[in-house]
């Protein structure tokens, strides 16, 4: 890849690890983040060890359509050859964005869908698009009605899992519509980042019993990096390997209808 790689959620545990690793390999990175001061701190830390690293910090709030449009408009003419849709949240309770979308779906699915769509004219043949998914996908189903959950339909982990499954289906439909792109998904596994804190009474117990057994951000970032630099498309990257996306996640009819339904909603 000769152009820039956009990493959303670049200041989170996984995003920071990916940004550091890409910089170490000489790739120019656009650090897309809500917390710009935190992004500047991370940029300074990386530059301290690698002064020639090419890092841009740009504001991006995936729950805000105007923020996404401003981000894309401000990228300038330099090529974009990679996009990692990595940013995500696990909302503790049901809430709506100012535009009336459920917050988790808006940030984790509608935002990446909108961002990727606006960047399609900038992504030439061979460009990489990678979405970060989750092993939780296997426990849920998603259809057109899932994209706008009501308060009674909302659950902290279930809604999060559906957003990730929607991203997985989006990736497969994108690969069909743009066969010239390298479109893959990556599952980091359970990683020691702030996102796994659910804001519940059992968090301290989890920290003691569970957190020491899960992956570091650096290990969790490995499949994301592999997907971003792969010359294959339509692969599911997890751990140290990749494989064809499992049949239980493949449904061309559903994926086409989800794409069309999402465009209508947006």
C-alpha atoms as a PDB file:
ATOM      1  CA  UNK A   1       0.000   0.000   0.000  1.00  0.00           C
ATOM      2  CA  UNK A   2       1.453   3.315  -1.070  1.00  0.00           C
ATOM      3  CA  UNK A   3      -1.306   5.639   0.157  1.00  0.00           C
ATOM      4  CA  UNK A   4      -2.678   6.355   3.588  1.00  0.00           C
ATOM      5  CA  UNK A   5      -4.450   3.881   5.835  1.00  0.00           C
ATOM      6  CA  UNK A   6      -7.381   5.214   7.854  1.00  0.00           C
ATOM      7  CA  UNK A   7      -7.795   3.679  11.308  1.00  0.00           C
ATOM      8  CA  UNK A   8     -11.005   4.580  13.117  1.00  0.00           C
ATOM      9  CA  UNK A   9     -10.920   4.450  16.889  1.00  0.00           C
ATOM     10  CA  UNK A  10      -7.176   4.999  16.691  1.00  0.00           C
ATOM     11  CA  UNK A  11      -6.828   6.006  20.350  1.00  0.00           C
ATOM     12  CA  UNK A  12      -8.494   2.884  21.764  1.00  0.00           C
ATOM     13  CA  UNK A  13      -6.484  -0.121  22.864  1.00  0.00           C
ATOM     14  CA  UNK A  14      -6.731  -1.995  19.555  1.00  0.00           C
ATOM     15  CA  UNK A  15      -6.583   1.124  17.402  1.00  0.00           C
ATOM     16  CA  UNK A  16      -3.467   2.384  19.141  1.00  0.00           C
ATOM     17  CA  UNK A  17      -1.759  -0.991  18.758  1.00  0.00           C
ATOM     18  CA  UNK A  18      -2.628  -1.132  15.051  1.00  0.00           C
ATOM     19  CA  UNK A  19      -1.469   2.457  14.512  1.00  0.00           C
ATOM     20  CA  UNK A  20       1.840   1.738  16.230  1.00  0.00           C
ATOM     21  CA  UNK A  21       2.405  -1.450  14.232  1.00  0.00           C
ATOM     22  CA  UNK A  22       1.545   0.181  10.890  1.00  0.00           C
ATOM     23  CA  UNK A  23       3.915   3.062  11.675  1.00  0.00           C
ATOM     24  CA  UNK A  24       6.658   0.596  12.550  1.00  0.00           C
ATOM     25  CA  UNK A  25       6.180  -0.947   9.101  1.00  0.00           C
ATOM     26  CA  UNK A  26       6.398   2.421   7.381  1.00  0.00           C
ATOM     27  CA  UNK A  27       2.740   2.925   6.462  1.00  0.00           C
ATOM     28  CA  UNK A  28       1.267   6.452   6.620  1.00  0.00           C
ATOM     29  CA  UNK A  29      -1.740   6.439   8.951  1.00  0.00           C
ATOM     30  CA  UNK A  30      -4.738   8.728   9.377  1.00  0.00           C
ATOM     31  CA  UNK A  31      -5.740   8.462  13.029  1.00  0.00           C
ATOM     32  CA  UNK A  32      -9.508   9.005  13.052  1.00  0.00           C
ATOM     33  CA  UNK A  33     -10.725   9.606  16.595  1.00  0.00           C
ATOM     34  CA  UNK A  34     -13.318  11.424  18.679  1.00  0.00           C
ATOM     35  CA  UNK A  35     -10.765  12.508  21.273  1.00  0.00           C
ATOM     36  CA  UNK A  36      -8.310  14.604  19.275  1.00  0.00           C
ATOM     37  CA  UNK A  37      -6.091  15.620  22.256  1.00  0.00           C
ATOM     38  CA  UNK A  38      -5.692  11.936  23.144  1.00  0.00           C
ATOM     39  CA  UNK A  39      -4.815  11.258  19.513  1.00  0.00           C
ATOM     40  CA  UNK A  40      -2.143  13.959  19.564  1.00  0.00           C
ATOM     41  CA  UNK A  41      -0.615  12.407  22.690  1.00  0.00           C
ATOM     42  CA  UNK A  42      -0.449   9.002  20.986  1.00  0.00           C
ATOM     43  CA  UNK A  43       1.016  10.558  17.854  1.00  0.00           C
ATOM     44  CA  UNK A  44       3.737  12.261  19.914  1.00  0.00           C
ATOM     45  CA  UNK A  45       4.554   8.991  21.679  1.00  0.00           C
ATOM     46  CA  UNK A  46       4.958   7.153  18.376  1.00  0.00           C
ATOM     47  CA  UNK A  47       7.032   9.949  16.845  1.00  0.00           C
ATOM     48  CA  UNK A  48       9.340   9.917  19.853  1.00  0.00           C
ATOM     49  CA  UNK A  49      10.427   6.420  18.880  1.00  0.00           C
ATOM     50  CA  UNK A  50       9.973   6.751  15.134  1.00  0.00           C
ATOM     51  CA  UNK A  51      10.523  10.385  14.080  1.00  0.00           C
ATOM     52  CA  UNK A  52       9.852   9.711  10.390  1.00  0.00           C
ATOM     53  CA  UNK A  53       6.432   8.154  10.982  1.00  0.00           C
ATOM     54  CA  UNK A  54       3.672   9.770   8.914  1.00  0.00           C
ATOM     55  CA  UNK A  55       0.704  10.256  11.204  1.00  0.00           C
ATOM     56  CA  UNK A  56      -2.307  12.550  10.826  1.00  0.00           C
ATOM     57  CA  UNK A  57      -4.814  13.042  13.645  1.00  0.00           C
ATOM     58  CA  UNK A  58      -8.288  13.900  12.373  1.00  0.00           C
ATOM     59  CA  UNK A  59     -11.548  14.244  14.312  1.00  0.00           C
ATOM     60  CA  UNK A  60     -14.252  11.684  13.562  1.00  0.00           C
ATOM     61  CA  UNK A  61     -17.446  10.896  15.463  1.00  0.00           C
ATOM     62  CA  UNK A  62     -19.088   7.940  13.760  1.00  0.00           C
ATOM     63  CA  UNK A  63     -22.441   8.700  15.387  1.00  0.00           C
ATOM     64  CA  UNK A  64     -22.550  12.079  13.601  1.00  0.00           C
ATOM     65  CA  UNK A  65     -23.264  12.250   9.839  1.00  0.00           C
ATOM     66  CA  UNK A  66     -21.865  15.795   9.662  1.00  0.00           C
ATOM     67  CA  UNK A  67     -18.627  14.680  11.355  1.00  0.00           C
ATOM     68  CA  UNK A  68     -18.227  11.840   8.849  1.00  0.00           C
ATOM     69  CA  UNK A  69     -18.822  14.148   5.893  1.00  0.00           C
ATOM     70  CA  UNK A  70     -16.344  16.703   7.258  1.00  0.00           C
ATOM     71  CA  UNK A  71     -13.753  13.986   7.821  1.00  0.00           C
ATOM     72  CA  UNK A  72     -13.985  12.737   4.233  1.00  0.00           C
ATOM     73  CA  UNK A  73     -14.009  16.263   2.803  1.00  0.00           C
ATOM     74  CA  UNK A  74     -10.881  17.170   4.761  1.00  0.00           C
ATOM     75  CA  UNK A  75      -8.740  14.243   3.652  1.00  0.00           C
ATOM     76  CA  UNK A  76      -7.157  16.093   0.748  1.00  0.00           C
ATOM     77  CA  UNK A  77      -5.928  14.605  -2.529  1.00  0.00           C
ATOM     78  CA  UNK A  78      -3.397  12.062  -1.247  1.00  0.00           C
ATOM     79  CA  UNK A  79      -4.520   8.486  -2.023  1.00  0.00           C
ATOM     80  CA  UNK A  80      -6.286   6.299   0.507  1.00  0.00           C
ATOM     81  CA  UNK A  81      -5.386   2.647   0.102  1.00  0.00           C
ATOM     82  CA  UNK A  82      -6.673   1.184   3.352  1.00  0.00           C
ATOM     83  CA  UNK A  83      -9.625   1.615   5.709  1.00  0.00           C
ATOM     84  CA  UNK A  84      -9.915  -0.154   9.044  1.00  0.00           C
ATOM     85  CA  UNK A  85     -13.415   0.191  10.484  1.00  0.00           C
ATOM     86  CA  UNK A  86     -12.308  -0.491  14.037  1.00  0.00           C
ATOM     87  CA  UNK A  87     -14.107   2.006  16.316  1.00  0.00           C
ATOM     88  CA  UNK A  88     -16.965   0.622  18.361  1.00  0.00           C
ATOM     89  CA  UNK A  89     -18.917   0.977  21.579  1.00  0.00           C
ATOM     90  CA  UNK A  90     -20.952  -1.220  23.917  1.00  0.00           C
ATOM     91  CA  UNK A  91     -23.743   1.006  25.204  1.00  0.00           C
ATOM     92  CA  UNK A  92     -24.856   0.232  28.732  1.00  0.00           C
ATOM     93  CA  UNK A  93     -28.410   1.450  28.187  1.00  0.00           C
ATOM     94  CA  UNK A  94     -30.764   2.370  25.361  1.00  0.00           C
ATOM     95  CA  UNK A  95     -30.324   5.860  23.938  1.00  0.00           C
ATOM     96  CA  UNK A  96     -30.905   7.672  20.667  1.00  0.00           C
ATOM     97  CA  UNK A  97     -28.623   9.968  18.707  1.00  0.00           C
ATOM     98  CA  UNK A  98     -29.859  13.457  17.750  1.00  0.00           C
ATOM     99  CA  UNK A  99     -30.840  11.942  14.388  1.00  0.00           C
ATOM    100  CA  UNK A 100     -33.028   9.307  16.080  1.00  0.00           C
ATOM    101  CA  UNK A 101     -30.839   6.220  15.670  1.00  0.00           C
ATOM    102  CA  UNK A 102     -30.039   3.806  18.484  1.00  0.00           C
ATOM    103  CA  UNK A 103     -26.561   4.781  19.690  1.00  0.00           C
ATOM    104  CA  UNK A 104     -24.819   1.404  19.385  1.00  0.00           C
ATOM    105  CA  UNK A 105     -26.086   0.715  15.876  1.00  0.00           C
ATOM    106  CA  UNK A 106     -25.305   4.264  14.790  1.00  0.00           C
ATOM    107  CA  UNK A 107     -21.689   4.139  15.976  1.00  0.00           C
ATOM    108  CA  UNK A 108     -20.836   0.529  15.186  1.00  0.00           C
ATOM    109  CA  UNK A 109     -22.722  -0.032  11.939  1.00  0.00           C
ATOM    110  CA  UNK A 110     -24.344   3.040  10.370  1.00  0.00           C
ATOM    111  CA  UNK A 111     -21.187   5.107  10.895  1.00  0.00           C
ATOM    112  CA  UNK A 112     -18.815   2.636   9.181  1.00  0.00           C
ATOM    113  CA  UNK A 113     -21.386   2.072   6.416  1.00  0.00           C
ATOM    114  CA  UNK A 114     -21.629   5.811   5.760  1.00  0.00           C
ATOM    115  CA  UNK A 115     -17.872   6.377   6.020  1.00  0.00           C
ATOM    116  CA  UNK A 116     -17.022   3.515   3.673  1.00  0.00           C
ATOM    117  CA  UNK A 117     -19.684   4.585   1.173  1.00  0.00           C
ATOM    118  CA  UNK A 118     -18.357   8.154   1.071  1.00  0.00           C
ATOM    119  CA  UNK A 119     -14.822   6.849   0.555  1.00  0.00           C
ATOM    120  CA  UNK A 120     -15.630   4.442  -2.281  1.00  0.00           C
ATOM    121  CA  UNK A 121     -14.654   6.958  -4.957  1.00  0.00           C
ATOM    122  CA  UNK A 122     -11.287   7.329  -3.205  1.00  0.00           C
ATOM    123  CA  UNK A 123     -10.606   3.605  -2.917  1.00  0.00           C
ATOM    124  CA  UNK A 124      -9.054   2.329  -6.125  1.00  0.00           C
ATOM    125  CA  UNK A 125      -8.421  -1.242  -7.281  1.00  0.00           C
ATOM    126  CA  UNK A 126      -6.527  -3.255  -4.683  1.00  0.00           C
ATOM    127  CA  UNK A 127      -7.429  -0.973  -1.777  1.00  0.00           C
ATOM    128  CA  UNK A 128      -8.123  -2.711   1.519  1.00  0.00           C
ATOM    129  CA  UNK A 129     -11.331  -2.422   3.554  1.00  0.00           C
ATOM    130  CA  UNK A 130     -11.374  -4.276   6.863  1.00  0.00           C
ATOM    131  CA  UNK A 131     -14.151  -4.370   9.459  1.00  0.00           C
ATOM    132  CA  UNK A 132     -13.511  -5.463  13.017  1.00  0.00           C
ATOM    133  CA  UNK A 133     -16.084  -8.076  14.011  1.00  0.00           C
ATOM    134  CA  UNK A 134     -16.661 -10.221  17.073  1.00  0.00           C
ATOM    135  CA  UNK A 135     -17.079 -13.848  18.056  1.00  0.00           C
ATOM    136  CA  UNK A 136     -20.401 -12.737  19.589  1.00  0.00           C
ATOM    137  CA  UNK A 137     -21.840 -12.736  16.037  1.00  0.00           C
ATOM    138  CA  UNK A 138     -22.537 -16.449  16.272  1.00  0.00           C
ATOM    139  CA  UNK A 139     -25.134 -15.984  19.024  1.00  0.00           C
ATOM    140  CA  UNK A 140     -27.463 -13.547  17.239  1.00  0.00           C
ATOM    141  CA  UNK A 141     -29.345 -12.980  14.011  1.00  0.00           C
ATOM    142  CA  UNK A 142     -29.963  -9.755  12.136  1.00  0.00           C
ATOM    143  CA  UNK A 143     -32.451  -8.573   9.525  1.00  0.00           C
ATOM    144  CA  UNK A 144     -33.914  -5.292   8.347  1.00  0.00           C
ATOM    145  CA  UNK A 145     -35.967  -4.859  11.513  1.00  0.00           C
ATOM    146  CA  UNK A 146     -32.856  -5.240  13.709  1.00  0.00           C
ATOM    147  CA  UNK A 147     -31.325  -1.993  12.478  1.00  0.00           C
ATOM    148  CA  UNK A 148     -33.656   0.182  14.551  1.00  0.00           C
ATOM    149  CA  UNK A 149     -34.114  -1.634  17.867  1.00  0.00           C
ATOM    150  CA  UNK A 150     -36.715  -0.315  20.263  1.00  0.00           C
ATOM    151  CA  UNK A 151     -35.989   0.057  23.948  1.00  0.00           C
ATOM    152  CA  UNK A 152     -37.650  -3.281  24.695  1.00  0.00           C
ATOM    153  CA  UNK A 153     -35.487  -4.967  22.033  1.00  0.00           C
ATOM    154  CA  UNK A 154     -32.252  -3.492  23.401  1.00  0.00           C
ATOM    155  CA  UNK A 155     -29.713  -5.482  25.380  1.00  0.00           C
ATOM    156  CA  UNK A 156     -26.169  -4.417  26.096  1.00  0.00           C
ATOM    157  CA  UNK A 157     -24.358  -7.406  24.617  1.00  0.00           C
ATOM    158  CA  UNK A 158     -27.071  -8.575  22.200  1.00  0.00           C
ATOM    159  CA  UNK A 159     -27.327  -5.221  20.428  1.00  0.00           C
ATOM    160  CA  UNK A 160     -23.542  -4.960  20.227  1.00  0.00           C
ATOM    161  CA  UNK A 161     -23.361  -8.448  18.700  1.00  0.00           C
ATOM    162  CA  UNK A 162     -25.998  -7.551  16.100  1.00  0.00           C
ATOM    163  CA  UNK A 163     -24.043  -4.479  15.039  1.00  0.00           C
ATOM    164  CA  UNK A 164     -21.013  -6.659  14.456  1.00  0.00           C
ATOM    165  CA  UNK A 165     -23.010  -9.225  12.500  1.00  0.00           C
ATOM    166  CA  UNK A 166     -24.465  -6.405  10.391  1.00  0.00           C
ATOM    167  CA  UNK A 167     -20.887  -5.273   9.660  1.00  0.00           C
ATOM    168  CA  UNK A 168     -19.966  -8.806   8.619  1.00  0.00           C
ATOM    169  CA  UNK A 169     -22.874  -8.935   6.183  1.00  0.00           C
ATOM    170  CA  UNK A 170     -22.022  -5.430   4.937  1.00  0.00           C
ATOM    171  CA  UNK A 171     -18.459  -6.562   4.186  1.00  0.00           C
ATOM    172  CA  UNK A 172     -19.649  -9.447   2.038  1.00  0.00           C
ATOM    173  CA  UNK A 173     -22.064  -7.282   0.075  1.00  0.00           C
ATOM    174  CA  UNK A 174     -19.345  -4.658  -0.413  1.00  0.00           C
ATOM    175  CA  UNK A 175     -17.061  -7.364  -1.819  1.00  0.00           C
ATOM    176  CA  UNK A 176     -19.768  -8.308  -4.334  1.00  0.00           C
ATOM    177  CA  UNK A 177     -20.434  -4.705  -5.361  1.00  0.00           C
ATOM    178  CA  UNK A 178     -16.756  -3.773  -5.536  1.00  0.00           C
ATOM    179  CA  UNK A 179     -14.853  -6.912  -6.552  1.00  0.00           C
ATOM    180  CA  UNK A 180     -11.782  -4.781  -7.277  1.00  0.00           C
ATOM    181  CA  UNK A 181     -11.334  -4.116  -3.540  1.00  0.00           C
ATOM    182  CA  UNK A 182      -9.752  -6.418  -0.970  1.00  0.00           C
ATOM    183  CA  UNK A 183     -12.521  -6.721   1.625  1.00  0.00           C
ATOM    184  CA  UNK A 184     -11.960  -8.756   4.774  1.00  0.00           C
ATOM    185  CA  UNK A 185     -13.134  -9.009   8.366  1.00  0.00           C
ATOM    186  CA  UNK A 186     -10.998  -9.490  11.457  1.00  0.00           C
ATOM    187  CA  UNK A 187     -11.897 -10.829  14.888  1.00  0.00           C
ATOM    188  CA  UNK A 188      -9.421  -9.776  17.592  1.00  0.00           C
ATOM    189  CA  UNK A 189     -10.962 -12.079  20.193  1.00  0.00           C
ATOM    190  CA  UNK A 190     -11.458 -10.896  23.756  1.00  0.00           C
ATOM    191  CA  UNK A 191      -8.917  -8.138  24.305  1.00  0.00           C
ATOM    192  CA  UNK A 192      -7.879  -6.217  27.402  1.00  0.00           C
ATOM    193  CA  UNK A 193      -9.343  -2.844  26.413  1.00  0.00           C
ATOM    194  CA  UNK A 194     -11.772  -0.418  28.016  1.00  0.00           C
ATOM    195  CA  UNK A 195     -14.646  -1.583  25.792  1.00  0.00           C
ATOM    196  CA  UNK A 196     -15.053  -4.806  27.780  1.00  0.00           C
ATOM    197  CA  UNK A 197     -15.945  -2.851  30.911  1.00  0.00           C
ATOM    198  CA  UNK A 198     -19.728  -3.120  30.966  1.00  0.00           C
ATOM    199  CA  UNK A 199     -20.355  -0.673  33.803  1.00  0.00           C
ATOM    200  CA  UNK A 200     -21.840  -3.411  35.971  1.00  0.00           C
ATOM    201  CA  UNK A 201     -21.383  -4.478  39.596  1.00  0.00           C
ATOM    202  CA  UNK A 202     -19.288  -7.477  38.532  1.00  0.00           C
ATOM    203  CA  UNK A 203     -16.604  -5.467  36.710  1.00  0.00           C
ATOM    204  CA  UNK A 204     -14.146  -5.592  39.679  1.00  0.00           C
ATOM    205  CA  UNK A 205     -14.628  -9.358  39.938  1.00  0.00           C
ATOM    206  CA  UNK A 206     -14.060  -9.712  36.210  1.00  0.00           C
ATOM    207  CA  UNK A 207     -10.851  -7.686  36.494  1.00  0.00           C
ATOM    208  CA  UNK A 208      -9.481 -10.107  39.070  1.00  0.00           C
ATOM    209  CA  UNK A 209     -10.605 -13.420  37.579  1.00  0.00           C
ATOM    210  CA  UNK A 210     -10.905 -12.825  33.861  1.00  0.00           C
ATOM    211  CA  UNK A 211      -8.803  -9.919  32.636  1.00  0.00           C
ATOM    212  CA  UNK A 212      -5.411 -11.620  33.269  1.00  0.00           C
ATOM    213  CA  UNK A 213      -6.444 -14.427  30.889  1.00  0.00           C
ATOM    214  CA  UNK A 214      -7.427 -12.317  27.872  1.00  0.00           C
ATOM    215  CA  UNK A 215      -5.304 -10.949  25.056  1.00  0.00           C
ATOM    216  CA  UNK A 216      -3.165  -7.860  25.126  1.00  0.00           C
ATOM    217  CA  UNK A 217      -4.080  -5.163  22.560  1.00  0.00           C
ATOM    218  CA  UNK A 218      -0.888  -6.033  20.654  1.00  0.00           C
ATOM    219  CA  UNK A 219      -1.961  -9.672  20.259  1.00  0.00           C
ATOM    220  CA  UNK A 220      -5.530  -8.672  19.476  1.00  0.00           C
ATOM    221  CA  UNK A 221      -4.261  -6.351  16.743  1.00  0.00           C
ATOM    222  CA  UNK A 222      -2.466  -9.166  14.884  1.00  0.00           C
ATOM    223  CA  UNK A 223      -5.460 -10.386  12.815  1.00  0.00           C
ATOM    224  CA  UNK A 224      -6.427  -6.795  11.994  1.00  0.00           C
ATOM    225  CA  UNK A 225      -2.937  -6.140  10.649  1.00  0.00           C
ATOM    226  CA  UNK A 226      -2.945  -9.393   8.702  1.00  0.00           C
ATOM    227  CA  UNK A 227      -6.273  -8.487   7.102  1.00  0.00           C
ATOM    228  CA  UNK A 228      -5.069  -4.974   6.224  1.00  0.00           C
ATOM    229  CA  UNK A 229      -2.014  -6.292   4.412  1.00  0.00           C
ATOM    230  CA  UNK A 230      -3.479  -9.448   2.853  1.00  0.00           C
ATOM    231  CA  UNK A 231      -3.673  -9.924  -0.902  1.00  0.00           C
ATOM    232  CA  UNK A 232      -6.774 -12.087  -0.456  1.00  0.00           C
ATOM    233  CA  UNK A 233     -10.380 -10.981  -0.179  1.00  0.00           C
ATOM    234  CA  UNK A 234     -13.460 -12.413   1.513  1.00  0.00           C
ATOM    235  CA  UNK A 235     -11.512 -13.846   4.425  1.00  0.00           C
ATOM    236  CA  UNK A 236     -12.169 -14.028   8.153  1.00  0.00           C
ATOM    237  CA  UNK A 237      -9.003 -13.325  10.126  1.00  0.00           C
ATOM    238  CA  UNK A 238      -8.785 -14.615  13.700  1.00  0.00           C
ATOM    239  CA  UNK A 239      -5.766 -15.442  15.809  1.00  0.00           C
ATOM    240  CA  UNK A 240      -2.896 -16.394  13.543  1.00  0.00           C
ATOM    241  CA  UNK A 241      -4.925 -17.692  10.628  1.00  0.00           C
ATOM    242  CA  UNK A 242      -7.551 -16.774   8.096  1.00  0.00           C
ATOM    243  CA  UNK A 243     -10.309 -18.792   6.492  1.00  0.00           C
ATOM    244  CA  UNK A 244     -13.293 -18.349   4.219  1.00  0.00           C
ATOM    245  CA  UNK A 245     -16.165 -16.601   5.968  1.00  0.00           C
ATOM    246  CA  UNK A 246     -18.224 -19.411   7.577  1.00  0.00           C
ATOM    247  CA  UNK A 247     -21.367 -20.513   5.747  1.00  0.00           C
ATOM    248  CA  UNK A 248     -23.572 -19.530   8.712  1.00  0.00           C
ATOM    249  CA  UNK A 249     -22.682 -15.892   8.002  1.00  0.00           C
ATOM    250  CA  UNK A 250     -23.220 -16.024   4.220  1.00  0.00           C
ATOM    251  CA  UNK A 251     -26.604 -15.003   2.851  1.00  0.00           C
ATOM    252  CA  UNK A 252     -26.420 -12.944  -0.372  1.00  0.00           C
ATOM    253  CA  UNK A 253     -30.142 -12.168  -0.387  1.00  0.00           C
ATOM    254  CA  UNK A 254     -30.101 -10.923   3.191  1.00  0.00           C
ATOM    255  CA  UNK A 255     -26.920  -8.936   2.609  1.00  0.00           C
ATOM    256  CA  UNK A 256     -28.340  -7.170  -0.432  1.00  0.00           C
ATOM    257  CA  UNK A 257     -31.569  -6.323   1.405  1.00  0.00           C
ATOM    258  CA  UNK A 258     -29.650  -5.082   4.483  1.00  0.00           C
ATOM    259  CA  UNK A 259     -27.562  -2.805   2.265  1.00  0.00           C
ATOM    260  CA  UNK A 260     -30.656  -1.383   0.573  1.00  0.00           C
ATOM    261  CA  UNK A 261     -32.487  -1.012   3.894  1.00  0.00           C
ATOM    262  CA  UNK A 262     -29.489   0.791   5.414  1.00  0.00           C
ATOM    263  CA  UNK A 263     -29.303   3.207   2.485  1.00  0.00           C
ATOM    264  CA  UNK A 264     -33.001   3.977   2.929  1.00  0.00           C
ATOM    265  CA  UNK A 265     -32.572   4.592   6.664  1.00  0.00           C
ATOM    266  CA  UNK A 266     -29.603   6.895   6.107  1.00  0.00           C
END
